[in-house]
Each structure stands twice: as C-alpha cells, then as structure tokens.
Amino acid sequence: MQVINVLLVFNFIKFVFGCGSYVIHDQTPFCNSAYAIVGIVQASWESADESLFQIKVTTNFKLEEVPSRGGIITVAGRGRMSSCGPTRMTRNKAYVIYLSVDEGSSYPLRIIEKEDYRLTTMDRIWSYDCSCQVEINIPQQLTPNSGVPARDKCVITERDLGCPFYNGYCARRGSQNVCQWVPGSSVC
C-alpha cells in the first residue's frame, strides 16, 4: 500500500510540474533524440490525440534514415486533449525539431522538443558533443544528481544562466579530454 501511495505522489508531481517551464539546454534533447532536423512546416492537422505536421527537411543533423534535404516527413506532437496543450507550429516557418521514434504509432516520428530556426543556432548545434551531459543545478529545479562522472558533464548553476548559457554548449576540451562549457560565438 505504501508503494502505491508513493507512486501516486510521484505521478501527481509529474502531472503538476510536467508541463511547467524548467530550464533545459537544447543540447540535451538534441543528444536524446533519434533525429534532429531543420524543417519548414508545409501543412498541419490537429485532433484530440495528436497534432500532425508535414515537414520539408532542409537540414538533417544526425544524418540518419530520415529523409535528407528536400524530403517530406510527417511528424506528430501533442493533441488538444494533452494536459500540456497541443503542439503548435506555424505554416511556412522553419523550426529546429528533435524527434523520437514510437514504432507502435501510426505516425512514429514524435516531437520531443522544437524551437524557432535561427542561423546562430545552426553553428552551435553542429558543435554539440553528445559524450558530454548538460546538468542543471538550480534551486527552483530540483534534479537528482545524475551519477555521471564530473569529467563527462557540465554543471550549470543559477549564476551560469543567461546569454552565455543559451549560446554555448558542453564539449570535451583540453589535453585532459574533460567536458567544459564553451561560450557561443554570438554576441550577448
């Protein structure tokens, strides 16, 4: 019975805070995604269960089997009945889209995260080092210690947030081959 109560509390916390804004660097969804693309929304449909988008791929960062430049794919996001609200994207607008694969779905390419396309984002994304993890350690965002060795991650604290955080990335640098925060080339 105690286990059930603990699970109920965790599910409630996930429900309450699952859609809230929390700090994440886009290197994390990039590295956790099966595919990472830049695409232009050609068409969209929305239902209670999911939002569907027809995307013309302009860049394929991970060079996997997803269509390359010029190919058209259909991807799915959250629908109207989602507790977080539906995924929305504007027709004829370019987005950086991180995708997972759900083999059991009629539309297996699922949107993990998306952001508006910016040229400065492209340079940064090509530099991502997925052997390094970005760990956020701020008071308003309680996250357990990942257990990842210090040499394999960049720990971001409250004082690190701001322009250098969003324009930088975590990568291995130096003769020690340790993950370090690399400031972006964009001017803050």
C-alpha atoms as a PDB file:
ATOM      1  CA  MET A   1       0.000   0.000   0.000  1.00  0.00           C
ATOM      2  CA  GLN A   2       2.852   2.353   0.834  1.00  0.00           C
ATOM      3  CA  VAL A   3       4.393   1.768  -2.612  1.00  0.00           C
ATOM      4  CA  ILE A   4       1.096   2.702  -4.268  1.00  0.00           C
ATOM      5  CA  ASN A   5       0.903   5.920  -2.232  1.00  0.00           C
ATOM      6  CA  VAL A   6       4.467   6.855  -3.222  1.00  0.00           C
ATOM      7  CA  LEU A   7       3.676   6.188  -6.901  1.00  0.00           C
ATOM      8  CA  LEU A   8       0.525   8.312  -6.661  1.00  0.00           C
ATOM      9  CA  VAL A   9       2.512  11.199  -5.177  1.00  0.00           C
ATOM     10  CA  PHE A  10       5.172  10.963  -7.909  1.00  0.00           C
ATOM     11  CA  ASN A  11       2.505  10.848 -10.630  1.00  0.00           C
ATOM     12  CA  PHE A  12       0.778  13.881  -9.093  1.00  0.00           C
ATOM     13  CA  ILE A  13       4.077  15.791  -9.006  1.00  0.00           C
ATOM     14  CA  LYS A  14       4.753  14.813 -12.630  1.00  0.00           C
ATOM     15  CA  PHE A  15       1.247  15.943 -13.619  1.00  0.00           C
ATOM     16  CA  VAL A  16       1.516  19.273 -11.782  1.00  0.00           C
ATOM     17  CA  PHE A  17       5.076  20.127 -12.820  1.00  0.00           C
ATOM     18  CA  GLY A  18       5.330  18.112 -16.057  1.00  0.00           C
ATOM     19  CA  CYS A  19       4.192  20.978 -18.281  1.00  0.00           C
ATOM     20  CA  GLY A  20       5.738  23.813 -16.328  1.00  0.00           C
ATOM     21  CA  SER A  21       8.691  25.705 -17.618  1.00  0.00           C
ATOM     22  CA  TYR A  22      12.004  24.381 -16.454  1.00  0.00           C
ATOM     23  CA  VAL A  23      15.492  25.216 -17.588  1.00  0.00           C
ATOM     24  CA  ILE A  24      16.927  22.933 -20.227  1.00  0.00           C
ATOM     25  CA  HIS A  25      19.656  23.479 -22.779  1.00  0.00           C
ATOM     26  CA  ASP A  26      18.807  22.284 -26.279  1.00  0.00           C
ATOM     27  CA  GLN A  27      21.925  20.092 -26.310  1.00  0.00           C
ATOM     28  CA  THR A  28      20.020  17.682 -24.039  1.00  0.00           C
ATOM     29  CA  PRO A  29      17.025  16.979 -26.334  1.00  0.00           C
ATOM     30  CA  PHE A  30      19.397  17.000 -29.316  1.00  0.00           C
ATOM     31  CA  CYS A  31      21.537  14.260 -27.803  1.00  0.00           C
ATOM     32  CA  ASN A  32      18.500  12.295 -26.556  1.00  0.00           C
ATOM     33  CA  SER A  33      16.712  12.424 -29.912  1.00  0.00           C
ATOM     34  CA  ALA A  34      16.766   9.801 -32.635  1.00  0.00           C
ATOM     35  CA  TYR A  35      16.670  12.547 -35.270  1.00  0.00           C
ATOM     36  CA  ALA A  36      17.416  16.266 -35.286  1.00  0.00           C
ATOM     37  CA  ILE A  37      16.325  18.317 -38.269  1.00  0.00           C
ATOM     38  CA  VAL A  38      15.571  21.779 -39.512  1.00  0.00           C
ATOM     39  CA  GLY A  39      12.331  21.788 -41.411  1.00  0.00           C
ATOM     40  CA  ILE A  40       9.686  24.083 -42.837  1.00  0.00           C
ATOM     41  CA  VAL A  41       6.078  23.345 -41.919  1.00  0.00           C
ATOM     42  CA  GLN A  42       4.134  22.629 -45.109  1.00  0.00           C
ATOM     43  CA  ALA A  43       0.791  21.661 -43.536  1.00  0.00           C
ATOM     44  CA  SER A  44      -0.703  20.723 -40.165  1.00  0.00           C
ATOM     45  CA  TRP A  45      -3.730  18.907 -38.710  1.00  0.00           C
ATOM     46  CA  GLU A  46      -4.871  18.776 -35.125  1.00  0.00           C
ATOM     47  CA  SER A  47      -7.014  16.221 -33.303  1.00  0.00           C
ATOM     48  CA  ALA A  48      -7.754  15.475 -29.675  1.00  0.00           C
ATOM     49  CA  ASP A  49      -4.942  12.912 -29.531  1.00  0.00           C
ATOM     50  CA  GLU A  50      -2.190  14.479 -31.591  1.00  0.00           C
ATOM     51  CA  SER A  51      -1.106  17.304 -33.851  1.00  0.00           C
ATOM     52  CA  LEU A  52       0.372  16.236 -37.192  1.00  0.00           C
ATOM     53  CA  PHE A  53       2.789  18.266 -39.256  1.00  0.00           C
ATOM     54  CA  GLN A  54       4.061  17.750 -42.782  1.00  0.00           C
ATOM     55  CA  ILE A  55       7.668  18.984 -42.729  1.00  0.00           C
ATOM     56  CA  LYS A  56      10.046  19.698 -45.608  1.00  0.00           C
ATOM     57  CA  VAL A  57      13.504  18.806 -44.293  1.00  0.00           C
ATOM     58  CA  THR A  58      16.166  21.435 -45.022  1.00  0.00           C
ATOM     59  CA  THR A  59      18.911  20.111 -42.710  1.00  0.00           C
ATOM     60  CA  ASN A  60      19.431  16.700 -41.130  1.00  0.00           C
ATOM     61  CA  PHE A  61      21.921  16.999 -38.254  1.00  0.00           C
ATOM     62  CA  LYS A  62      22.213  13.315 -37.386  1.00  0.00           C
ATOM     63  CA  LEU A  63      22.293  12.057 -40.982  1.00  0.00           C
ATOM     64  CA  GLU A  64      20.177   9.020 -40.190  1.00  0.00           C
ATOM     65  CA  GLU A  65      17.498   7.396 -42.347  1.00  0.00           C
ATOM     66  CA  VAL A  66      15.058  10.299 -42.018  1.00  0.00           C
ATOM     67  CA  PRO A  67      14.813  11.998 -45.437  1.00  0.00           C
ATOM     68  CA  SER A  68      17.643  14.337 -46.219  1.00  0.00           C
ATOM     69  CA  ARG A  69      17.410  17.850 -47.617  1.00  0.00           C
ATOM     70  CA  GLY A  70      14.223  18.381 -49.611  1.00  0.00           C
ATOM     71  CA  GLY A  71      12.464  15.256 -48.291  1.00  0.00           C
ATOM     72  CA  ILE A  72       8.979  15.457 -46.783  1.00  0.00           C
ATOM     73  CA  ILE A  73       8.127  13.737 -43.482  1.00  0.00           C
ATOM     74  CA  THR A  74       5.083  13.658 -41.211  1.00  0.00           C
ATOM     75  CA  VAL A  75       5.735  14.161 -37.506  1.00  0.00           C
ATOM     76  CA  ALA A  76       3.374  14.086 -34.535  1.00  0.00           C
ATOM     77  CA  GLY A  77       3.117  16.235 -31.436  1.00  0.00           C
ATOM     78  CA  ARG A  78       0.664  16.605 -28.574  1.00  0.00           C
ATOM     79  CA  GLY A  79      -3.050  16.927 -29.361  1.00  0.00           C
ATOM     80  CA  ARG A  80      -5.770  19.186 -27.924  1.00  0.00           C
ATOM     81  CA  MET A  81      -6.526  16.822 -25.042  1.00  0.00           C
ATOM     82  CA  SER A  82      -2.951  16.813 -23.736  1.00  0.00           C
ATOM     83  CA  SER A  83      -2.661  18.240 -20.235  1.00  0.00           C
ATOM     84  CA  CYS A  84       0.225  20.349 -21.594  1.00  0.00           C
ATOM     85  CA  GLY A  85      -1.812  21.651 -24.532  1.00  0.00           C
ATOM     86  CA  PRO A  86      -1.284  20.892 -28.211  1.00  0.00           C
ATOM     87  CA  THR A  87       1.987  21.245 -30.082  1.00  0.00           C
ATOM     88  CA  ARG A  88       1.738  24.267 -32.361  1.00  0.00           C
ATOM     89  CA  MET A  89       3.868  25.287 -35.334  1.00  0.00           C
ATOM     90  CA  THR A  90       3.186  27.928 -37.986  1.00  0.00           C
ATOM     91  CA  ARG A  91       2.886  27.014 -41.674  1.00  0.00           C
ATOM     92  CA  ASN A  92       5.824  28.122 -43.891  1.00  0.00           C
ATOM     93  CA  LYS A  93       8.005  28.749 -40.841  1.00  0.00           C
ATOM     94  CA  ALA A  94      11.317  26.961 -40.158  1.00  0.00           C
ATOM     95  CA  TYR A  95      11.951  25.097 -36.907  1.00  0.00           C
ATOM     96  CA  VAL A  96      14.722  23.038 -35.351  1.00  0.00           C
ATOM     97  CA  ILE A  97      12.914  19.822 -34.388  1.00  0.00           C
ATOM     98  CA  TYR A  98      14.149  16.976 -32.181  1.00  0.00           C
ATOM     99  CA  LEU A  99      12.357  13.672 -32.842  1.00  0.00           C
ATOM    100  CA  SER A 100      11.962  10.322 -31.129  1.00  0.00           C
ATOM    101  CA  VAL A 101      10.586   7.133 -32.671  1.00  0.00           C
ATOM    102  CA  ASP A 102       7.444   5.410 -31.424  1.00  0.00           C
ATOM    103  CA  GLU A 103       7.180   2.230 -33.511  1.00  0.00           C
ATOM    104  CA  GLY A 104       3.689   1.434 -32.168  1.00  0.00           C
ATOM    105  CA  SER A 105       2.167   4.654 -33.508  1.00  0.00           C
ATOM    106  CA  SER A 106       0.613   5.343 -36.906  1.00  0.00           C
ATOM    107  CA  TYR A 107       2.990   8.340 -37.057  1.00  0.00           C
ATOM    108  CA  PRO A 108       6.172   7.037 -35.429  1.00  0.00           C
ATOM    109  CA  LEU A 109       8.195  10.274 -35.592  1.00  0.00           C
ATOM    110  CA  ARG A 110       7.285  12.151 -32.387  1.00  0.00           C
ATOM    111  CA  ILE A 111       8.349  15.691 -31.481  1.00  0.00           C
ATOM    112  CA  ILE A 112      10.451  15.779 -28.297  1.00  0.00           C
ATOM    113  CA  GLU A 113      11.214  19.482 -28.499  1.00  0.00           C
ATOM    114  CA  LYS A 114      11.174  22.238 -31.109  1.00  0.00           C
ATOM    115  CA  GLU A 115      12.446  25.775 -31.368  1.00  0.00           C
ATOM    116  CA  ASP A 116      12.328  28.551 -33.919  1.00  0.00           C
ATOM    117  CA  TYR A 117      15.110  28.342 -36.501  1.00  0.00           C
ATOM    118  CA  ARG A 118      17.915  30.892 -36.145  1.00  0.00           C
ATOM    119  CA  LEU A 119      21.168  30.857 -38.111  1.00  0.00           C
ATOM    120  CA  THR A 120      23.187  31.238 -34.890  1.00  0.00           C
ATOM    121  CA  THR A 121      21.558  28.059 -33.554  1.00  0.00           C
ATOM    122  CA  MET A 122      22.871  26.062 -36.519  1.00  0.00           C
ATOM    123  CA  ASP A 123      26.562  26.730 -35.782  1.00  0.00           C
ATOM    124  CA  ARG A 124      26.087  25.761 -32.137  1.00  0.00           C
ATOM    125  CA  ILE A 125      24.193  22.541 -32.914  1.00  0.00           C
ATOM    126  CA  TRP A 126      26.904  21.288 -35.279  1.00  0.00           C
ATOM    127  CA  SER A 127      29.317  21.612 -32.319  1.00  0.00           C
ATOM    128  CA  TYR A 128      27.331  19.550 -29.796  1.00  0.00           C
ATOM    129  CA  ASP A 129      29.297  16.751 -28.148  1.00  0.00           C
ATOM    130  CA  CYS A 130      26.851  14.055 -27.055  1.00  0.00           C
ATOM    131  CA  SER A 131      29.516  12.342 -24.959  1.00  0.00           C
ATOM    132  CA  CYS A 132      29.019  15.283 -22.559  1.00  0.00           C
ATOM    133  CA  GLN A 133      25.899  15.834 -20.473  1.00  0.00           C
ATOM    134  CA  VAL A 134      24.443  19.225 -19.511  1.00  0.00           C
ATOM    135  CA  GLU A 135      23.284  19.051 -15.892  1.00  0.00           C
ATOM    136  CA  ILE A 136      21.170  21.876 -14.470  1.00  0.00           C
ATOM    137  CA  ASN A 137      21.621  22.540 -10.741  1.00  0.00           C
ATOM    138  CA  ILE A 138      19.409  25.447  -9.684  1.00  0.00           C
ATOM    139  CA  PRO A 139      17.264  25.821  -6.526  1.00  0.00           C
ATOM    140  CA  GLN A 140      13.897  26.143  -8.300  1.00  0.00           C
ATOM    141  CA  GLN A 141      14.531  22.973 -10.308  1.00  0.00           C
ATOM    142  CA  LEU A 142      15.185  20.018  -8.083  1.00  0.00           C
ATOM    143  CA  THR A 143      17.002  17.372 -10.068  1.00  0.00           C
ATOM    144  CA  PRO A 144      18.783  14.412  -8.552  1.00  0.00           C
ATOM    145  CA  ASN A 145      22.494  14.008  -9.104  1.00  0.00           C
ATOM    146  CA  SER A 146      22.804  12.098 -12.375  1.00  0.00           C
ATOM    147  CA  GLY A 147      25.707   9.936 -11.244  1.00  0.00           C
ATOM    148  CA  VAL A 148      27.604  10.956 -14.382  1.00  0.00           C
ATOM    149  CA  PRO A 149      31.308  11.464 -13.584  1.00  0.00           C
ATOM    150  CA  ALA A 150      32.347  15.132 -13.315  1.00  0.00           C
ATOM    151  CA  ARG A 151      34.647  14.830 -16.328  1.00  0.00           C
ATOM    152  CA  ASP A 152      31.674  13.815 -18.521  1.00  0.00           C
ATOM    153  CA  LYS A 153      29.319  16.720 -17.761  1.00  0.00           C
ATOM    154  CA  CYS A 154      28.959  20.470 -17.452  1.00  0.00           C
ATOM    155  CA  VAL A 155      27.065  21.510 -14.316  1.00  0.00           C
ATOM    156  CA  ILE A 156      25.088  24.722 -14.782  1.00  0.00           C
ATOM    157  CA  THR A 157      24.225  26.747 -11.680  1.00  0.00           C
ATOM    158  CA  GLU A 158      21.986  29.776 -11.267  1.00  0.00           C
ATOM    159  CA  ARG A 159      24.868  32.188 -11.837  1.00  0.00           C
ATOM    160  CA  ASP A 160      25.622  30.484 -15.193  1.00  0.00           C
ATOM    161  CA  LEU A 161      22.164  31.148 -16.652  1.00  0.00           C
ATOM    162  CA  GLY A 162      21.715  33.866 -19.244  1.00  0.00           C
ATOM    163  CA  CYS A 163      23.014  34.583 -22.712  1.00  0.00           C
ATOM    164  CA  PRO A 164      26.295  32.607 -22.388  1.00  0.00           C
ATOM    165  CA  PHE A 165      24.290  29.533 -21.307  1.00  0.00           C
ATOM    166  CA  TYR A 166      21.837  29.633 -24.206  1.00  0.00           C
ATOM    167  CA  ASN A 167      24.517  30.481 -26.788  1.00  0.00           C
ATOM    168  CA  GLY A 168      27.125  27.995 -25.539  1.00  0.00           C
ATOM    169  CA  TYR A 169      27.431  24.225 -25.389  1.00  0.00           C
ATOM    170  CA  CYS A 170      29.170  21.468 -23.449  1.00  0.00           C
ATOM    171  CA  ALA A 171      32.075  19.710 -25.192  1.00  0.00           C
ATOM    172  CA  ARG A 172      35.383  17.987 -24.465  1.00  0.00           C
ATOM    173  CA  ARG A 173      38.310  20.376 -24.493  1.00  0.00           C
ATOM    174  CA  GLY A 174      41.953  20.379 -23.488  1.00  0.00           C
ATOM    175  CA  SER A 175      44.552  17.671 -23.100  1.00  0.00           C
ATOM    176  CA  GLN A 176      42.590  16.085 -20.227  1.00  0.00           C
ATOM    177  CA  ASN A 177      39.628  15.455 -22.587  1.00  0.00           C
ATOM    178  CA  VAL A 178      37.199  16.820 -19.958  1.00  0.00           C
ATOM    179  CA  CYS A 179      33.754  18.275 -20.712  1.00  0.00           C
ATOM    180  CA  GLN A 180      33.783  22.059 -20.395  1.00  0.00           C
ATOM    181  CA  TRP A 181      31.323  24.838 -21.145  1.00  0.00           C
ATOM    182  CA  VAL A 182      32.193  26.522 -24.450  1.00  0.00           C
ATOM    183  CA  PRO A 183      30.804  30.052 -24.859  1.00  0.00           C
ATOM    184  CA  GLY A 184      28.946  30.552 -28.109  1.00  0.00           C
ATOM    185  CA  SER A 185      30.126  32.793 -30.903  1.00  0.00           C
ATOM    186  CA  SER A 186      27.009  35.004 -30.655  1.00  0.00           C
ATOM    187  CA  VAL A 187      27.369  38.374 -29.003  1.00  0.00           C
ATOM    188  CA  CYS A 188      25.267  38.680 -25.846  1.00  0.00           C
END
